[in-house]
Amino acid sequence: MKRILEVVWVILVILTIFAYLLGYLKYISTTLVAVLLITTFIKGQLVIDYFMDLKEVRLKYRLIPTVWLGVVISLIAVAYYLPVTS
C-alpha cells in the first residue's frame, strides 16, 4: 500500500507542476482550461480514493465527495465558458 501511495503522490505532483507551468508561461486557451479542469478532477479523485481511503468503502460513500467535486468543477467550467457582457 505504501508503494501505491508514493506513486499516487508523484502523479499528483506532476499534474500540479503541469498546471503551474501552464499558468506561469501563460499558455491559456479554451482547450487547455478544459484539460486543467479534467486534471483537477483526476487529482481530486486520487485524493478521495487513496488519501481519504475511500477506495474500499461502499459506492454511496464514495459518490458523495465525487459528485461534490464534479459539481464544483462543472460550475467553474460554466463560469469560465459563459460569455462576459459589459
N, C-alpha and C. Protein backbone atom coordinates (compact mmCIF):
# COMPACT_ATOMS: atom_id res chain seq x y z
N MET A 1 0.83 -1.20 0.00
CA MET A 1 0.00 0.00 0.00
C MET A 1 0.87 1.26 0.00
N LYS A 2 1.99 1.20 0.70
CA LYS A 2 2.86 2.37 0.76
C LYS A 2 3.38 2.72 -0.63
N ARG A 3 3.69 1.72 -1.44
CA ARG A 3 4.20 1.95 -2.79
C ARG A 3 3.15 2.64 -3.66
N ILE A 4 1.89 2.22 -3.52
CA ILE A 4 0.81 2.82 -4.30
C ILE A 4 0.64 4.29 -3.92
N LEU A 5 0.72 4.59 -2.62
CA LEU A 5 0.59 5.97 -2.18
C LEU A 5 1.72 6.84 -2.70
N GLU A 6 2.91 6.27 -2.78
CA GLU A 6 4.03 7.02 -3.33
C GLU A 6 3.82 7.33 -4.81
N VAL A 7 3.32 6.36 -5.56
CA VAL A 7 3.06 6.57 -6.99
C VAL A 7 1.95 7.61 -7.17
N VAL A 8 0.90 7.52 -6.38
CA VAL A 8 -0.19 8.49 -6.45
C VAL A 8 0.33 9.88 -6.11
N TRP A 9 1.18 9.99 -5.11
CA TRP A 9 1.75 11.28 -4.72
C TRP A 9 2.58 11.87 -5.87
N VAL A 10 3.36 11.04 -6.53
CA VAL A 10 4.17 11.51 -7.66
C VAL A 10 3.26 11.99 -8.79
N ILE A 11 2.19 11.28 -9.07
CA ILE A 11 1.23 11.70 -10.10
C ILE A 11 0.62 13.05 -9.73
N LEU A 12 0.25 13.23 -8.46
CA LEU A 12 -0.31 14.50 -8.02
C LEU A 12 0.69 15.64 -8.19
N VAL A 13 1.94 15.38 -7.87
CA VAL A 13 2.98 16.41 -8.02
C VAL A 13 3.17 16.77 -9.49
N ILE A 14 3.22 15.76 -10.35
CA ILE A 14 3.42 16.01 -11.78
C ILE A 14 2.26 16.83 -12.35
N LEU A 15 1.03 16.47 -12.02
CA LEU A 15 -0.13 17.21 -12.51
C LEU A 15 -0.15 18.64 -11.97
N THR A 16 0.29 18.83 -10.74
CA THR A 16 0.34 20.17 -10.16
C THR A 16 1.40 21.02 -10.84
N ILE A 17 2.56 20.45 -11.10
CA ILE A 17 3.62 21.18 -11.80
C ILE A 17 3.18 21.53 -13.22
N PHE A 18 2.48 20.61 -13.88
CA PHE A 18 1.95 20.87 -15.21
C PHE A 18 1.00 22.08 -15.19
N ALA A 19 0.09 22.11 -14.23
CA ALA A 19 -0.85 23.23 -14.12
C ALA A 19 -0.12 24.53 -13.81
N TYR A 20 0.85 24.46 -12.94
CA TYR A 20 1.63 25.65 -12.59
C TYR A 20 2.37 26.21 -13.80
N LEU A 21 3.00 25.33 -14.55
CA LEU A 21 3.76 25.78 -15.71
C LEU A 21 2.87 26.39 -16.78
N LEU A 22 1.69 25.83 -16.97
CA LEU A 22 0.76 26.42 -17.93
C LEU A 22 0.36 27.84 -17.52
N GLY A 23 0.14 28.03 -16.24
CA GLY A 23 -0.20 29.37 -15.76
C GLY A 23 0.98 30.31 -15.80
N TYR A 24 2.13 29.83 -15.42
CA TYR A 24 3.33 30.67 -15.39
C TYR A 24 3.76 31.11 -16.79
N LEU A 25 3.66 30.20 -17.74
CA LEU A 25 4.05 30.51 -19.11
C LEU A 25 2.93 31.16 -19.91
N LYS A 26 1.78 31.34 -19.27
CA LYS A 26 0.62 31.99 -19.87
C LYS A 26 0.13 31.29 -21.13
N TYR A 27 0.15 29.96 -21.11
CA TYR A 27 -0.42 29.17 -22.20
C TYR A 27 -1.86 28.85 -21.87
N ILE A 28 -2.71 29.85 -21.90
CA ILE A 28 -4.10 29.64 -21.54
C ILE A 28 -4.96 29.75 -22.80
N SER A 29 -5.67 28.69 -23.09
CA SER A 29 -6.64 28.70 -24.18
C SER A 29 -7.86 27.92 -23.69
N THR A 30 -8.89 27.95 -24.49
CA THR A 30 -10.12 27.25 -24.12
C THR A 30 -9.88 25.76 -23.94
N THR A 31 -9.09 25.19 -24.82
CA THR A 31 -8.80 23.76 -24.73
C THR A 31 -7.98 23.43 -23.49
N LEU A 32 -6.99 24.26 -23.21
CA LEU A 32 -6.15 23.99 -22.04
C LEU A 32 -6.89 24.17 -20.72
N VAL A 33 -7.85 25.07 -20.69
CA VAL A 33 -8.67 25.20 -19.49
C VAL A 33 -9.46 23.91 -19.26
N ALA A 34 -9.98 23.33 -20.33
CA ALA A 34 -10.70 22.05 -20.21
C ALA A 34 -9.75 20.96 -19.72
N VAL A 35 -8.53 20.95 -20.24
CA VAL A 35 -7.53 19.96 -19.79
C VAL A 35 -7.22 20.17 -18.32
N LEU A 36 -7.07 21.42 -17.90
CA LEU A 36 -6.78 21.70 -16.49
C LEU A 36 -7.93 21.28 -15.58
N LEU A 37 -9.15 21.49 -16.03
CA LEU A 37 -10.30 21.07 -15.22
C LEU A 37 -10.36 19.55 -15.11
N ILE A 38 -10.04 18.87 -16.19
CA ILE A 38 -10.03 17.39 -16.15
C ILE A 38 -8.92 16.89 -15.24
N THR A 39 -7.74 17.50 -15.33
CA THR A 39 -6.64 17.06 -14.45
C THR A 39 -6.96 17.38 -12.99
N THR A 40 -7.67 18.48 -12.76
CA THR A 40 -8.09 18.80 -11.39
C THR A 40 -9.06 17.76 -10.86
N PHE A 41 -9.97 17.31 -11.72
CA PHE A 41 -10.89 16.25 -11.30
C PHE A 41 -10.13 14.96 -11.01
N ILE A 42 -9.17 14.63 -11.84
CA ILE A 42 -8.36 13.42 -11.61
C ILE A 42 -7.60 13.53 -10.31
N LYS A 43 -6.99 14.69 -10.06
CA LYS A 43 -6.26 14.88 -8.80
C LYS A 43 -7.19 14.74 -7.60
N GLY A 44 -8.37 15.35 -7.69
CA GLY A 44 -9.33 15.25 -6.60
C GLY A 44 -9.79 13.82 -6.37
N GLN A 45 -10.00 13.09 -7.46
CA GLN A 45 -10.43 11.70 -7.32
C GLN A 45 -9.33 10.83 -6.72
N LEU A 46 -8.08 11.10 -7.07
CA LEU A 46 -6.97 10.37 -6.46
C LEU A 46 -6.89 10.64 -4.96
N VAL A 47 -7.09 11.89 -4.56
CA VAL A 47 -7.08 12.22 -3.13
C VAL A 47 -8.24 11.52 -2.42
N ILE A 48 -9.41 11.54 -3.05
CA ILE A 48 -10.58 10.88 -2.45
C ILE A 48 -10.34 9.38 -2.29
N ASP A 49 -9.81 8.74 -3.33
CA ASP A 49 -9.65 7.29 -3.30
C ASP A 49 -8.52 6.83 -2.37
N TYR A 50 -7.38 7.50 -2.43
CA TYR A 50 -6.21 6.96 -1.74
C TYR A 50 -5.89 7.66 -0.43
N PHE A 51 -5.98 8.98 -0.37
CA PHE A 51 -5.59 9.67 0.85
C PHE A 51 -6.75 9.83 1.83
N MET A 52 -7.98 9.84 1.33
CA MET A 52 -9.14 9.78 2.22
C MET A 52 -9.54 8.32 2.47
N ASP A 53 -8.87 7.40 1.76
CA ASP A 53 -9.05 5.96 1.91
C ASP A 53 -10.50 5.52 1.67
N LEU A 54 -11.12 6.08 0.65
CA LEU A 54 -12.49 5.71 0.31
C LEU A 54 -12.57 4.71 -0.83
N LYS A 55 -11.44 4.18 -1.26
CA LYS A 55 -11.44 3.24 -2.38
C LYS A 55 -12.14 1.92 -2.03
N GLU A 56 -12.10 1.52 -0.79
CA GLU A 56 -12.65 0.22 -0.40
C GLU A 56 -14.00 0.29 0.30
N VAL A 57 -14.60 1.48 0.36
CA VAL A 57 -15.90 1.58 1.03
C VAL A 57 -17.02 1.42 0.01
N ARG A 58 -18.24 1.39 0.51
CA ARG A 58 -19.39 1.23 -0.38
C ARG A 58 -19.51 2.40 -1.33
N LEU A 59 -20.13 2.14 -2.46
CA LEU A 59 -20.22 3.12 -3.53
C LEU A 59 -20.92 4.40 -3.10
N LYS A 60 -21.96 4.30 -2.29
CA LYS A 60 -22.69 5.51 -1.92
C LYS A 60 -21.83 6.47 -1.11
N TYR A 61 -20.87 5.95 -0.36
CA TYR A 61 -19.98 6.83 0.41
C TYR A 61 -18.89 7.43 -0.48
N ARG A 62 -18.54 6.74 -1.53
CA ARG A 62 -17.57 7.28 -2.48
C ARG A 62 -18.19 8.32 -3.39
N LEU A 63 -19.48 8.18 -3.66
CA LEU A 63 -20.15 9.10 -4.57
C LEU A 63 -20.33 10.50 -4.00
N ILE A 64 -20.45 10.61 -2.69
CA ILE A 64 -20.70 11.92 -2.08
C ILE A 64 -19.57 12.91 -2.42
N PRO A 65 -18.30 12.61 -2.11
CA PRO A 65 -17.26 13.59 -2.48
C PRO A 65 -17.02 13.66 -3.99
N THR A 66 -17.25 12.57 -4.71
CA THR A 66 -17.04 12.59 -6.16
C THR A 66 -18.06 13.48 -6.84
N VAL A 67 -19.32 13.38 -6.44
CA VAL A 67 -20.36 14.23 -7.02
C VAL A 67 -20.10 15.68 -6.64
N TRP A 68 -19.71 15.93 -5.39
CA TRP A 68 -19.39 17.30 -4.97
C TRP A 68 -18.27 17.87 -5.84
N LEU A 69 -17.22 17.09 -6.05
CA LEU A 69 -16.10 17.54 -6.88
C LEU A 69 -16.55 17.81 -8.30
N GLY A 70 -17.38 16.94 -8.84
CA GLY A 70 -17.90 17.13 -10.19
C GLY A 70 -18.74 18.39 -10.32
N VAL A 71 -19.56 18.66 -9.31
CA VAL A 71 -20.40 19.87 -9.33
C VAL A 71 -19.54 21.12 -9.28
N VAL A 72 -18.55 21.13 -8.40
CA VAL A 72 -17.68 22.31 -8.28
C VAL A 72 -16.92 22.56 -9.57
N ILE A 73 -16.34 21.52 -10.15
CA ILE A 73 -15.59 21.69 -11.39
C ILE A 73 -16.51 22.08 -12.54
N SER A 74 -17.71 21.53 -12.56
CA SER A 74 -18.68 21.92 -13.60
C SER A 74 -19.08 23.38 -13.48
N LEU A 75 -19.28 23.86 -12.25
CA LEU A 75 -19.62 25.27 -12.06
C LEU A 75 -18.47 26.18 -12.47
N ILE A 76 -17.25 25.77 -12.19
CA ILE A 76 -16.10 26.55 -12.64
C ILE A 76 -16.06 26.59 -14.16
N ALA A 77 -16.31 25.45 -14.79
CA ALA A 77 -16.30 25.40 -16.26
C ALA A 77 -17.40 26.29 -16.84
N VAL A 78 -18.58 26.24 -16.27
CA VAL A 78 -19.68 27.08 -16.76
C VAL A 78 -19.33 28.55 -16.59
N ALA A 79 -18.76 28.91 -15.44
CA ALA A 79 -18.38 30.30 -15.21
C ALA A 79 -17.29 30.75 -16.18
N TYR A 80 -16.40 29.86 -16.53
CA TYR A 80 -15.33 30.24 -17.45
C TYR A 80 -15.83 30.37 -18.89
N TYR A 81 -16.66 29.46 -19.29
CA TYR A 81 -17.08 29.43 -20.69
C TYR A 81 -18.27 30.33 -21.01
N LEU A 82 -18.93 30.87 -20.01
CA LEU A 82 -20.03 31.80 -20.30
C LEU A 82 -19.44 33.10 -20.84
N PRO A 83 -20.09 33.66 -21.84
CA PRO A 83 -19.56 34.92 -22.38
C PRO A 83 -19.76 36.06 -21.38
N VAL A 84 -18.79 36.92 -21.31
CA VAL A 84 -18.85 38.07 -20.42
C VAL A 84 -19.43 39.26 -21.20
N THR A 85 -20.49 39.83 -20.67
CA THR A 85 -21.07 41.00 -21.31
C THR A 85 -20.85 42.21 -20.42
N SER A 86 -20.54 43.33 -21.05
CA SER A 86 -20.30 44.53 -20.24
C SER A 86 -21.29 45.62 -20.54
